[in-house]
N, C-alpha and C. Protein backbone atom coordinates (compact mmCIF):
# COMPACT_ATOMS: atom_id res chain seq x y z
N MET A 1 91.52 136.65 40.75
CA MET A 1 90.88 137.20 41.93
C MET A 1 91.71 136.82 43.16
N SER A 2 91.99 137.77 43.99
CA SER A 2 92.80 137.47 45.17
C SER A 2 91.92 136.98 46.32
N ASP A 3 92.58 136.34 47.27
CA ASP A 3 91.84 135.85 48.44
C ASP A 3 91.34 137.01 49.28
N ASP A 4 90.16 136.85 49.85
CA ASP A 4 89.57 137.86 50.73
C ASP A 4 90.12 137.64 52.13
N LEU A 5 91.02 138.51 52.57
CA LEU A 5 91.65 138.34 53.88
C LEU A 5 90.75 138.76 55.03
N THR A 6 89.56 139.28 54.73
CA THR A 6 88.64 139.68 55.78
C THR A 6 87.73 138.54 56.20
N LYS A 7 87.69 137.47 55.43
CA LYS A 7 86.81 136.36 55.79
C LYS A 7 87.43 135.53 56.89
N LYS A 8 86.57 134.87 57.64
CA LYS A 8 87.00 134.03 58.75
C LYS A 8 86.59 132.59 58.45
N PRO A 9 87.33 131.65 59.02
CA PRO A 9 86.98 130.24 58.80
C PRO A 9 85.57 129.92 59.30
N GLU A 10 84.89 129.05 58.58
CA GLU A 10 83.56 128.62 59.01
C GLU A 10 83.63 127.91 60.35
N ASP A 11 84.65 127.09 60.52
CA ASP A 11 84.84 126.36 61.77
C ASP A 11 86.08 126.93 62.46
N ALA A 12 85.87 127.90 63.33
CA ALA A 12 86.99 128.58 63.99
C ALA A 12 87.64 127.73 65.07
N THR A 13 87.18 126.50 65.25
CA THR A 13 87.81 125.62 66.24
C THR A 13 88.93 124.80 65.61
N LYS A 14 89.06 124.86 64.29
CA LYS A 14 90.07 124.08 63.56
C LYS A 14 90.96 125.00 62.74
N VAL A 15 92.26 124.71 62.76
CA VAL A 15 93.23 125.46 61.96
C VAL A 15 93.54 124.62 60.72
N ASN A 16 93.22 125.18 59.56
CA ASN A 16 93.46 124.49 58.30
C ASN A 16 94.63 125.16 57.59
N VAL A 17 95.80 124.53 57.62
CA VAL A 17 96.97 125.11 56.97
C VAL A 17 97.07 124.71 55.50
N ASN A 18 96.09 123.96 55.01
CA ASN A 18 96.10 123.54 53.61
C ASN A 18 95.40 124.53 52.69
N GLU A 19 94.70 125.48 53.25
CA GLU A 19 94.07 126.55 52.47
C GLU A 19 94.91 127.81 52.68
N SER A 20 95.40 128.40 51.60
CA SER A 20 96.32 129.54 51.74
C SER A 20 95.69 130.71 52.49
N TRP A 21 94.41 130.99 52.24
CA TRP A 21 93.79 132.11 52.93
C TRP A 21 93.63 131.83 54.42
N GLU A 22 93.38 130.56 54.80
CA GLU A 22 93.28 130.23 56.22
C GLU A 22 94.66 130.27 56.87
N LEU A 23 95.67 129.84 56.16
CA LEU A 23 97.04 129.94 56.66
C LEU A 23 97.37 131.40 56.94
N ASP A 24 97.02 132.28 56.02
CA ASP A 24 97.23 133.72 56.22
C ASP A 24 96.43 134.23 57.42
N TYR A 25 95.16 133.83 57.49
CA TYR A 25 94.29 134.27 58.58
C TYR A 25 94.85 133.85 59.94
N TRP A 26 95.15 132.57 60.09
CA TRP A 26 95.58 132.06 61.39
C TRP A 26 96.96 132.58 61.79
N SER A 27 97.86 132.72 60.83
CA SER A 27 99.18 133.24 61.20
C SER A 27 99.07 134.69 61.67
N LYS A 28 98.20 135.46 61.03
CA LYS A 28 97.98 136.84 61.48
C LYS A 28 97.24 136.86 62.82
N GLU A 29 96.22 136.05 62.95
CA GLU A 29 95.42 135.99 64.18
C GLU A 29 96.26 135.60 65.40
N LEU A 30 97.18 134.67 65.19
CA LEU A 30 98.00 134.18 66.30
C LEU A 30 99.35 134.87 66.40
N GLY A 31 99.65 135.73 65.44
CA GLY A 31 100.88 136.52 65.48
C GLY A 31 102.15 135.71 65.29
N VAL A 32 102.08 134.72 64.40
CA VAL A 32 103.24 133.87 64.13
C VAL A 32 103.45 133.75 62.63
N THR A 33 104.63 133.26 62.26
CA THR A 33 104.89 133.02 60.84
C THR A 33 104.09 131.80 60.37
N LYS A 34 103.95 131.70 59.08
CA LYS A 34 103.25 130.55 58.50
C LYS A 34 103.98 129.26 58.82
N GLU A 35 105.30 129.32 58.80
CA GLU A 35 106.11 128.14 59.09
C GLU A 35 105.90 127.69 60.54
N ARG A 36 105.88 128.66 61.46
CA ARG A 36 105.67 128.35 62.88
C ARG A 36 104.28 127.76 63.10
N LEU A 37 103.29 128.29 62.40
CA LEU A 37 101.93 127.78 62.50
C LEU A 37 101.86 126.34 62.00
N LYS A 38 102.49 126.06 60.88
CA LYS A 38 102.51 124.69 60.35
C LYS A 38 103.19 123.74 61.33
N GLU A 39 104.27 124.21 61.95
CA GLU A 39 104.97 123.40 62.95
C GLU A 39 104.05 123.07 64.13
N ALA A 40 103.29 124.06 64.58
CA ALA A 40 102.37 123.86 65.70
C ALA A 40 101.28 122.85 65.34
N VAL A 41 100.72 122.97 64.16
CA VAL A 41 99.67 122.04 63.73
C VAL A 41 100.23 120.63 63.62
N LYS A 42 101.45 120.51 63.12
CA LYS A 42 102.09 119.20 63.02
C LYS A 42 102.30 118.59 64.40
N ALA A 43 102.63 119.43 65.38
CA ALA A 43 102.92 118.96 66.73
C ALA A 43 101.67 118.59 67.53
N VAL A 44 100.59 119.39 67.40
CA VAL A 44 99.44 119.18 68.28
C VAL A 44 98.12 118.93 67.56
N GLY A 45 98.12 118.98 66.24
CA GLY A 45 96.88 118.77 65.51
C GLY A 45 96.21 120.07 65.13
N THR A 46 94.98 119.99 64.66
CA THR A 46 94.30 121.15 64.09
C THR A 46 93.42 121.93 65.06
N SER A 47 93.31 121.49 66.28
CA SER A 47 92.49 122.21 67.26
C SER A 47 93.07 123.61 67.48
N ALA A 48 92.25 124.63 67.26
CA ALA A 48 92.72 126.01 67.43
C ALA A 48 93.19 126.26 68.86
N ASP A 49 92.50 125.71 69.84
CA ASP A 49 92.91 125.88 71.24
C ASP A 49 94.26 125.24 71.50
N ALA A 50 94.45 124.03 71.01
CA ALA A 50 95.72 123.32 71.21
C ALA A 50 96.87 124.03 70.51
N VAL A 51 96.62 124.54 69.31
CA VAL A 51 97.64 125.26 68.57
C VAL A 51 98.02 126.53 69.32
N GLU A 52 97.03 127.25 69.80
CA GLU A 52 97.30 128.49 70.54
C GLU A 52 98.10 128.21 71.81
N LYS A 53 97.72 127.18 72.55
CA LYS A 53 98.46 126.82 73.77
C LYS A 53 99.89 126.43 73.44
N TYR A 54 100.09 125.68 72.38
CA TYR A 54 101.43 125.28 71.96
C TYR A 54 102.28 126.50 71.63
N LEU A 55 101.71 127.44 70.93
CA LEU A 55 102.46 128.62 70.51
C LEU A 55 102.76 129.56 71.68
N ARG A 56 102.00 129.50 72.73
CA ARG A 56 102.19 130.38 73.88
C ARG A 56 103.22 129.85 74.87
N LYS A 57 103.67 128.58 74.68
CA LYS A 57 104.67 128.00 75.58
C LYS A 57 106.01 128.68 75.42
């Protein structure tokens, strides 16, 4: 069974790059590659707001 790409994270304030479907969701939502998203989370943590601000710099 494949991952449902239409589902959204239960806690949309946190970016979880350890779940493949969430990695897909957030990279699409923020318009970045999965690698770039992982880099952002490593730099600023899992806060969706902090990750978005980091990526917009």
